[in-house]
PDB file of N, CA and C in Angstrom:
ATOM      1  N   MET A   1      24.705  -5.413 -11.378  1.00  0.00           N
ATOM      2  CA  MET A   1      23.317  -4.906 -11.335  1.00  0.00           C
ATOM      3  C   MET A   1      22.681  -5.188 -10.055  1.00  0.00           C
ATOM      4  N   THR A   2      22.075  -4.115  -9.511  1.00  0.00           N
ATOM      5  CA  THR A   2      21.391  -4.266  -8.183  1.00  0.00           C
ATOM      6  C   THR A   2      19.962  -4.579  -8.342  1.00  0.00           C
ATOM      7  N   VAL A   3      19.472  -5.544  -7.607  1.00  0.00           N
ATOM      8  CA  VAL A   3      18.125  -5.911  -7.691  1.00  0.00           C
ATOM      9  C   VAL A   3      17.434  -5.447  -6.367  1.00  0.00           C
ATOM     10  N   THR A   4      16.348  -4.606  -6.548  1.00  0.00           N
ATOM     11  CA  THR A   4      15.672  -4.072  -5.455  1.00  0.00           C
ATOM     12  C   THR A   4      14.576  -4.995  -5.051  1.00  0.00           C
ATOM     13  N   LYS A   5      14.510  -5.376  -3.701  1.00  0.00           N
ATOM     14  CA  LYS A   5      13.544  -6.275  -3.325  1.00  0.00           C
ATOM     15  C   LYS A   5      12.180  -5.451  -3.045  1.00  0.00           C
ATOM     16  N   LEU A   6      11.138  -5.862  -3.697  1.00  0.00           N
ATOM     17  CA  LEU A   6       9.798  -5.223  -3.465  1.00  0.00           C
ATOM     18  C   LEU A   6       8.936  -6.048  -2.531  1.00  0.00           C
ATOM     19  N   LEU A   7       8.312  -5.332  -1.684  1.00  0.00           N
ATOM     20  CA  LEU A   7       7.506  -5.922  -0.638  1.00  0.00           C
ATOM     21  C   LEU A   7       5.982  -5.610  -1.042  1.00  0.00           C
ATOM     22  N   ALA A   8       5.145  -6.702  -0.989  1.00  0.00           N
ATOM     23  CA  ALA A   8       3.763  -6.444  -1.394  1.00  0.00           C
ATOM     24  C   ALA A   8       3.039  -5.871  -0.161  1.00  0.00           C
ATOM     25  N   VAL A   9       2.325  -4.750  -0.356  1.00  0.00           N
ATOM     26  CA  VAL A   9       1.675  -4.053   0.731  1.00  0.00           C
ATOM     27  C   VAL A   9       0.253  -3.770   0.435  1.00  0.00           C
ATOM     28  N   ASN A  10      -0.505  -3.418   1.506  1.00  0.00           N
ATOM     29  CA  ASN A  10      -1.869  -3.003   1.437  1.00  0.00           C
ATOM     30  C   ASN A  10      -1.946  -1.747   2.117  1.00  0.00           C
ATOM     31  N   VAL A  11      -2.445  -0.625   1.490  1.00  0.00           N
ATOM     32  CA  VAL A  11      -2.506   0.654   1.960  1.00  0.00           C
ATOM     33  C   VAL A  11      -4.009   1.070   2.277  1.00  0.00           C
ATOM     34  N   LYS A  12      -4.311   1.423   3.348  1.00  0.00           N
ATOM     35  CA  LYS A  12      -5.627   1.901   3.721  1.00  0.00           C
ATOM     36  C   LYS A  12      -5.692   3.406   3.704  1.00  0.00           C
ATOM     37  N   ILE A  13      -6.618   3.898   2.953  1.00  0.00           N
ATOM     38  CA  ILE A  13      -6.746   5.330   2.815  1.00  0.00           C
ATOM     39  C   ILE A  13      -7.837   5.890   3.761  1.00  0.00           C
ATOM     40  N   ASP A  14      -7.439   7.012   4.428  1.00  0.00           N
ATOM     41  CA  ASP A  14      -8.238   7.669   5.449  1.00  0.00           C
ATOM     42  C   ASP A  14      -9.662   8.104   4.665  1.00  0.00           C
ATOM     43  N   GLY A  15     -10.709   7.771   5.307  1.00  0.00           N
ATOM     44  CA  GLY A  15     -12.104   8.133   4.708  1.00  0.00           C
ATOM     45  C   GLY A  15     -12.211   9.512   4.267  1.00  0.00           C
ATOM     46  N   ASP A  16     -11.532  10.497   4.924  1.00  0.00           N
ATOM     47  CA  ASP A  16     -11.666  11.935   4.573  1.00  0.00           C
ATOM     48  C   ASP A  16     -10.920  12.130   3.277  1.00  0.00           C
ATOM     49  N   TYR A  17     -10.175  11.276   2.758  1.00  0.00           N
ATOM     50  CA  TYR A  17      -9.396  11.483   1.555  1.00  0.00           C
ATOM     51  C   TYR A  17      -9.909  10.591   0.421  1.00  0.00           C
ATOM     52  N   LEU A  18     -10.922   9.913   0.498  1.00  0.00           N
ATOM     53  CA  LEU A  18     -11.393   9.050  -0.514  1.00  0.00           C
ATOM     54  C   LEU A  18     -11.797   9.837  -1.839  1.00  0.00           C
ATOM     55  N   ASP A  19     -12.295  11.089  -1.626  1.00  0.00           N
ATOM     56  CA  ASP A  19     -12.604  11.808  -2.810  1.00  0.00           C
ATOM     57  C   ASP A  19     -11.370  12.375  -3.504  1.00  0.00           C
ATOM     58  N   ARG A  20     -10.125  12.210  -2.830  1.00  0.00           N
ATOM     59  CA  ARG A  20      -8.922  12.710  -3.454  1.00  0.00           C
ATOM     60  C   ARG A  20      -7.902  11.480  -3.618  1.00  0.00           C
ATOM     61  N   LEU A  21      -8.507  10.256  -3.884  1.00  0.00           N
ATOM     62  CA  LEU A  21      -7.786   9.127  -3.855  1.00  0.00           C
ATOM     63  C   LEU A  21      -6.581   9.187  -4.991  1.00  0.00           C
ATOM     64  N   HIS A  22      -6.880   9.725  -6.056  1.00  0.00           N
ATOM     65  CA  HIS A  22      -5.793   9.816  -7.088  1.00  0.00           C
ATOM     66  C   HIS A  22      -4.695  10.686  -6.683  1.00  0.00           C
ATOM     67  N   GLU A  23      -4.866  11.618  -5.933  1.00  0.00           N
ATOM     68  CA  GLU A  23      -3.852  12.522  -5.347  1.00  0.00           C
ATOM     69  C   GLU A  23      -3.002  11.756  -4.362  1.00  0.00           C
ATOM     70  N   VAL A  24      -3.698  10.994  -3.544  1.00  0.00           N
ATOM     71  CA  VAL A  24      -2.892  10.166  -2.532  1.00  0.00           C
ATOM     72  C   VAL A  24      -2.072   9.087  -3.302  1.00  0.00           C
ATOM     73  N   VAL A  25      -2.513   8.537  -4.348  1.00  0.00           N
ATOM     74  CA  VAL A  25      -1.812   7.457  -5.067  1.00  0.00           C
ATOM     75  C   VAL A  25      -0.652   8.126  -5.664  1.00  0.00           C
ATOM     76  N   GLY A  26      -0.816   9.346  -6.320  1.00  0.00           N
ATOM     77  CA  GLY A  26       0.367  10.141  -6.779  1.00  0.00           C
ATOM     78  C   GLY A  26       1.440  10.354  -5.739  1.00  0.00           C
ATOM     79  N   LYS A  27       1.103  10.647  -4.531  1.00  0.00           N
ATOM     80  CA  LYS A  27       2.110  10.823  -3.460  1.00  0.00           C
ATOM     81  C   LYS A  27       2.781   9.663  -3.077  1.00  0.00           C
ATOM     82  N   LEU A  28       1.974   8.507  -3.016  1.00  0.00           N
ATOM     83  CA  LEU A  28       2.598   7.244  -2.813  1.00  0.00           C
ATOM     84  C   LEU A  28       3.586   6.739  -3.866  1.00  0.00           C
ATOM     85  N   GLN A  29       3.249   7.071  -5.093  1.00  0.00           N
ATOM     86  CA  GLN A  29       4.002   6.643  -6.267  1.00  0.00           C
ATOM     87  C   GLN A  29       5.384   7.505  -6.176  1.00  0.00           C
ATOM     88  N   ASN A  30       5.270   8.606  -5.703  1.00  0.00           N
ATOM     89  CA  ASN A  30       6.462   9.453  -5.564  1.00  0.00           C
ATOM     90  C   ASN A  30       7.483   8.887  -4.476  1.00  0.00           C
ATOM     91  N   GLU A  31       6.897   8.089  -3.541  1.00  0.00           N
ATOM     92  CA  GLU A  31       7.704   7.298  -2.600  1.00  0.00           C
ATOM     93  C   GLU A  31       8.117   5.958  -3.045  1.00  0.00           C
ATOM     94  N   GLY A  32       7.789   5.586  -4.211  1.00  0.00           N
ATOM     95  CA  GLY A  32       8.209   4.192  -4.747  1.00  0.00           C
ATOM     96  C   GLY A  32       7.078   3.229  -4.808  1.00  0.00           C
ATOM     97  N   PHE A  33       5.839   3.636  -4.412  1.00  0.00           N
ATOM     98  CA  PHE A  33       4.753   2.586  -4.410  1.00  0.00           C
ATOM     99  C   PHE A  33       4.362   2.345  -5.854  1.00  0.00           C
ATOM    100  N   VAL A  34       4.141   1.033  -6.120  1.00  0.00           N
ATOM    101  CA  VAL A  34       3.624   0.623  -7.457  1.00  0.00           C
ATOM    102  C   VAL A  34       2.232   0.064  -7.253  1.00  0.00           C
ATOM    103  N   LEU A  35       1.289   0.670  -7.846  1.00  0.00           N
ATOM    104  CA  LEU A  35      -0.176   0.298  -7.659  1.00  0.00           C
ATOM    105  C   LEU A  35      -0.413  -0.940  -8.548  1.00  0.00           C
ATOM    106  N   SER A  36      -1.066  -1.993  -7.995  1.00  0.00           N
ATOM    107  CA  SER A  36      -1.478  -3.049  -8.700  1.00  0.00           C
ATOM    108  C   SER A  36      -2.964  -3.191  -8.844  1.00  0.00           C
ATOM    109  N   GLU A  37      -3.629  -2.741  -7.756  1.00  0.00           N
ATOM    110  CA  GLU A  37      -5.143  -2.790  -7.651  1.00  0.00           C
ATOM    111  C   GLU A  37      -5.727  -1.768  -6.738  1.00  0.00           C
ATOM    112  N   SER A  38      -6.681  -1.092  -7.095  1.00  0.00           N
ATOM    113  CA  SER A  38      -7.337  -0.079  -6.231  1.00  0.00           C
ATOM    114  C   SER A  38      -8.848  -0.450  -5.933  1.00  0.00           C
ATOM    115  N   LEU A  39      -9.115  -0.700  -4.606  1.00  0.00           N
ATOM    116  CA  LEU A  39     -10.383  -1.078  -4.192  1.00  0.00           C
ATOM    117  C   LEU A  39     -11.079   0.210  -3.718  1.00  0.00           C
ATOM    118  N   ASP A  40     -11.510   1.052  -4.611  1.00  0.00           N
ATOM    119  CA  ASP A  40     -11.928   2.453  -4.422  1.00  0.00           C
ATOM    120  C   ASP A  40     -13.083   2.481  -3.263  1.00  0.00           C
ATOM    121  N   ALA A  41     -13.969   1.691  -3.470  1.00  0.00           N
ATOM    122  CA  ALA A  41     -15.166   1.639  -2.586  1.00  0.00           C
ATOM    123  C   ALA A  41     -14.875   1.450  -1.106  1.00  0.00           C
ATOM    124  N   ILE A  42     -13.800   0.708  -0.769  1.00  0.00           N
ATOM    125  CA  ILE A  42     -13.346   0.581   0.623  1.00  0.00           C
ATOM    126  C   ILE A  42     -12.049   1.339   0.922  1.00  0.00           C
ATOM    127  N   GLY A  43     -11.487   2.026   0.021  1.00  0.00           N
ATOM    128  CA  GLY A  43     -10.327   2.806   0.276  1.00  0.00           C
ATOM    129  C   GLY A  43      -9.111   2.015   0.561  1.00  0.00           C
ATOM    130  N   VAL A  44      -8.831   0.884  -0.235  1.00  0.00           N
ATOM    131  CA  VAL A  44      -7.679   0.125  -0.103  1.00  0.00           C
ATOM    132  C   VAL A  44      -6.952   0.066  -1.368  1.00  0.00           C
ATOM    133  N   LEU A  45      -5.604   0.213  -1.276  1.00  0.00           N
ATOM    134  CA  LEU A  45      -4.782   0.087  -2.413  1.00  0.00           C
ATOM    135  C   LEU A  45      -3.916  -1.105  -2.213  1.00  0.00           C
ATOM    136  N   ILE A  46      -3.606  -1.954  -3.223  1.00  0.00           N
ATOM    137  CA  ILE A  46      -2.799  -3.085  -3.161  1.00  0.00           C
ATOM    138  C   ILE A  46      -1.671  -2.817  -4.195  1.00  0.00           C
ATOM    139  N   GLY A  47      -0.542  -3.092  -3.741  1.00  0.00           N
ATOM    140  CA  GLY A  47       0.694  -2.860  -4.641  1.00  0.00           C
ATOM    141  C   GLY A  47       1.911  -3.372  -4.013  1.00  0.00           C
ATOM    142  N   SER A  48       3.073  -2.685  -4.401  1.00  0.00           N
ATOM    143  CA  SER A  48       4.409  -3.132  -3.867  1.00  0.00           C
ATOM    144  C   SER A  48       5.163  -1.834  -3.631  1.00  0.00           C
ATOM    145  N   VAL A  49       6.248  -2.017  -2.926  1.00  0.00           N
ATOM    146  CA  VAL A  49       7.141  -0.864  -2.656  1.00  0.00           C
ATOM    147  C   VAL A  49       8.508  -1.487  -2.387  1.00  0.00           C
ATOM    148  N   PRO A  50       9.595  -0.685  -2.668  1.00  0.00           N
ATOM    149  CA  PRO A  50      10.914  -1.221  -2.319  1.00  0.00           C
ATOM    150  C   PRO A  50      11.042  -1.244  -0.768  1.00  0.00           C
ATOM    151  N   ALA A  51      11.610  -2.209  -0.349  1.00  0.00           N
ATOM    152  CA  ALA A  51      11.836  -2.505   1.076  1.00  0.00           C
ATOM    153  C   ALA A  51      12.282  -1.201   1.897  1.00  0.00           C
ATOM    154  N   ALA A  52      13.263  -0.465   1.298  1.00  0.00           N
ATOM    155  CA  ALA A  52      13.758   0.740   1.926  1.00  0.00           C
ATOM    156  C   ALA A  52      12.830   1.885   2.038  1.00  0.00           C
ATOM    157  N   ALA A  53      11.782   1.825   1.230  1.00  0.00           N
ATOM    158  CA  ALA A  53      10.744   2.946   1.201  1.00  0.00           C
ATOM    159  C   ALA A  53       9.512   2.631   2.020  1.00  0.00           C
ATOM    160  N   LEU A  54       9.390   1.442   2.572  1.00  0.00           N
ATOM    161  CA  LEU A  54       8.199   1.054   3.276  1.00  0.00           C
ATOM    162  C   LEU A  54       7.677   2.023   4.440  1.00  0.00           C
ATOM    163  N   GLY A  55       8.680   2.468   5.122  1.00  0.00           N
ATOM    164  CA  GLY A  55       8.361   3.364   6.223  1.00  0.00           C
ATOM    165  C   GLY A  55       7.806   4.799   5.789  1.00  0.00           C
ATOM    166  N   LYS A  56       8.180   5.153   4.579  1.00  0.00           N
ATOM    167  CA  LYS A  56       7.674   6.458   4.049  1.00  0.00           C
ATOM    168  C   LYS A  56       6.274   6.451   3.646  1.00  0.00           C
ATOM    169  N   LEU A  57       5.708   5.341   3.362  1.00  0.00           N
ATOM    170  CA  LEU A  57       4.268   5.347   2.936  1.00  0.00           C
ATOM    171  C   LEU A  57       3.341   5.730   3.998  1.00  0.00           C
ATOM    172  N   SER A  58       3.548   5.344   5.236  1.00  0.00           N
ATOM    173  CA  SER A  58       2.627   5.815   6.262  1.00  0.00           C
ATOM    174  C   SER A  58       2.696   7.203   6.672  1.00  0.00           C
ATOM    175  N   ALA A  59       3.722   7.969   6.136  1.00  0.00           N
ATOM    176  CA  ALA A  59       3.863   9.432   6.388  1.00  0.00           C
ATOM    177  C   ALA A  59       3.142  10.304   5.322  1.00  0.00           C
ATOM    178  N   VAL A  60       2.557   9.513   4.320  1.00  0.00           N
ATOM    179  CA  VAL A  60       1.879  10.237   3.276  1.00  0.00           C
ATOM    180  C   VAL A  60       0.592  10.817   3.746  1.00  0.00           C
ATOM    181  N   GLN A  61       0.225  12.020   3.573  1.00  0.00           N
ATOM    182  CA  GLN A  61      -1.052  12.561   3.957  1.00  0.00           C
ATOM    183  C   GLN A  61      -2.116  11.873   3.229  1.00  0.00           C
ATOM    184  N   GLY A  62      -3.149  11.361   4.201  1.00  0.00           N
ATOM    185  CA  GLY A  62      -4.338  10.623   3.508  1.00  0.00           C
ATOM    186  C   GLY A  62      -4.220   9.090   3.747  1.00  0.00           C
ATOM    187  N   VAL A  63      -3.028   8.633   4.256  1.00  0.00           N
ATOM    188  CA  VAL A  63      -2.827   7.171   4.471  1.00  0.00           C
ATOM    189  C   VAL A  63      -3.132   6.952   5.951  1.00  0.00           C
ATOM    190  N   SER A  64      -3.982   5.938   6.199  1.00  0.00           N
ATOM    191  CA  SER A  64      -4.334   5.734   7.645  1.00  0.00           C
ATOM    192  C   SER A  64      -3.605   4.361   8.068  1.00  0.00           C
ATOM    193  N   ALA A  65      -3.195   3.546   7.193  1.00  0.00           N
ATOM    194  CA  ALA A  65      -2.415   2.311   7.605  1.00  0.00           C
ATOM    195  C   ALA A  65      -1.709   1.609   6.397  1.00  0.00           C
ATOM    196  N   VAL A  66      -0.616   1.109   6.719  1.00  0.00           N
ATOM    197  CA  VAL A  66       0.160   0.331   5.673  1.00  0.00           C
ATOM    198  C   VAL A  66       0.595  -1.032   6.356  1.00  0.00           C
ATOM    199  N   GLU A  67       0.296  -2.019   5.681  1.00  0.00           N
ATOM    200  CA  GLU A  67       0.738  -3.314   6.290  1.00  0.00           C
ATOM    201  C   GLU A  67       1.196  -4.142   5.087  1.00  0.00           C
ATOM    202  N   LYS A  68       2.244  -4.945   5.323  1.00  0.00           N
ATOM    203  CA  LYS A  68       2.736  -6.009   4.473  1.00  0.00           C
ATOM    204  C   LYS A  68       1.681  -7.042   4.165  1.00  0.00           C
ATOM    205  N   SER A  69       1.562  -7.367   2.853  1.00  0.00           N
ATOM    206  CA  SER A  69       0.573  -8.485   2.527  1.00  0.00           C
ATOM    207  C   SER A  69       1.159  -9.826   3.101  1.00  0.00           C
ATOM    208  N   ARG A  70       0.158 -10.612   3.504  1.00  0.00           N
ATOM    209  CA  ARG A  70       0.561 -11.871   4.061  1.00  0.00           C
ATOM    210  C   ARG A  70       0.138 -12.975   3.151  1.00  0.00           C
ATOM    211  N   SER A  71       0.782 -14.098   3.130  1.00  0.00           N
ATOM    212  CA  SER A  71       0.422 -15.271   2.442  1.00  0.00           C
ATOM    213  C   SER A  71       0.540 -16.478   3.230  1.00  0.00           C
ATOM    214  N   ASP A  72       0.771 -16.360   4.509  1.00  0.00           N
ATOM    215  CA  ASP A  72       1.058 -17.463   5.446  1.00  0.00           C
ATOM    216  C   ASP A  72      -0.142 -17.848   6.277  1.00  0.00           C
ATOM    217  N   TYR A  73      -1.355 -17.561   5.692  1.00  0.00           N
ATOM    218  CA  TYR A  73      -2.527 -17.940   6.485  1.00  0.00           C
ATOM    219  C   TYR A  73      -2.714 -19.548   6.383  1.00  0.00           C
ATOM    220  N   HIS A  74      -3.213 -20.018   7.439  1.00  0.00           N
ATOM    221  CA  HIS A  74      -3.472 -21.472   7.370  1.00  0.00           C
ATOM    222  C   HIS A  74      -4.766 -21.819   8.041  1.00  0.00           C
ATOM    223  N   THR A  75      -5.577 -22.697   7.454  1.00  0.00           N
ATOM    224  CA  THR A  75      -6.839 -23.091   8.086  1.00  0.00           C
ATOM    225  C   THR A  75      -6.546 -24.162   9.041  1.00  0.00           C
ATOM    226  N   GLN A  76      -7.489 -24.349   9.978  1.00  0.00           N
ATOM    227  CA  GLN A  76      -7.360 -25.423  11.007  1.00  0.00           C
ATOM    228  C   GLN A  76      -7.899 -26.756  10.284  1.00  0.00           C
ATOM    229  N   GLU A  77      -7.136 -27.773  10.612  1.00  0.00           N
ATOM    230  CA  GLU A  77      -7.628 -29.001  10.074  1.00  0.00           C
ATOM    231  C   GLU A  77      -8.706 -29.551  11.002  1.00  0.00           C
ATOM    232  N   PRO A  78      -9.709 -30.186  10.405  1.00  0.00           N
ATOM    233  CA  PRO A  78     -10.692 -30.800  11.269  1.00  0.00           C
ATOM    234  C   PRO A  78     -10.302 -31.887  12.249  1.00  0.00           C
TER     235      PRO A  78
END
């Protein structure tokens, strides 16, 4: 059985496409994107994608940026 590694990603939607957000989500899902949360007011989608399909997301019409989610933030100690 092959296990597909999923990467957590944040997808920024171009402001000109906010009124067609569901259309853009559908195109992203066709590329393997799995939507977890949609922040409609600011045009950000949070989800995951197979590592091999990551590069395809930024080519979807209406997407302005794709970045891997990070969890390695650290605060400075006083």
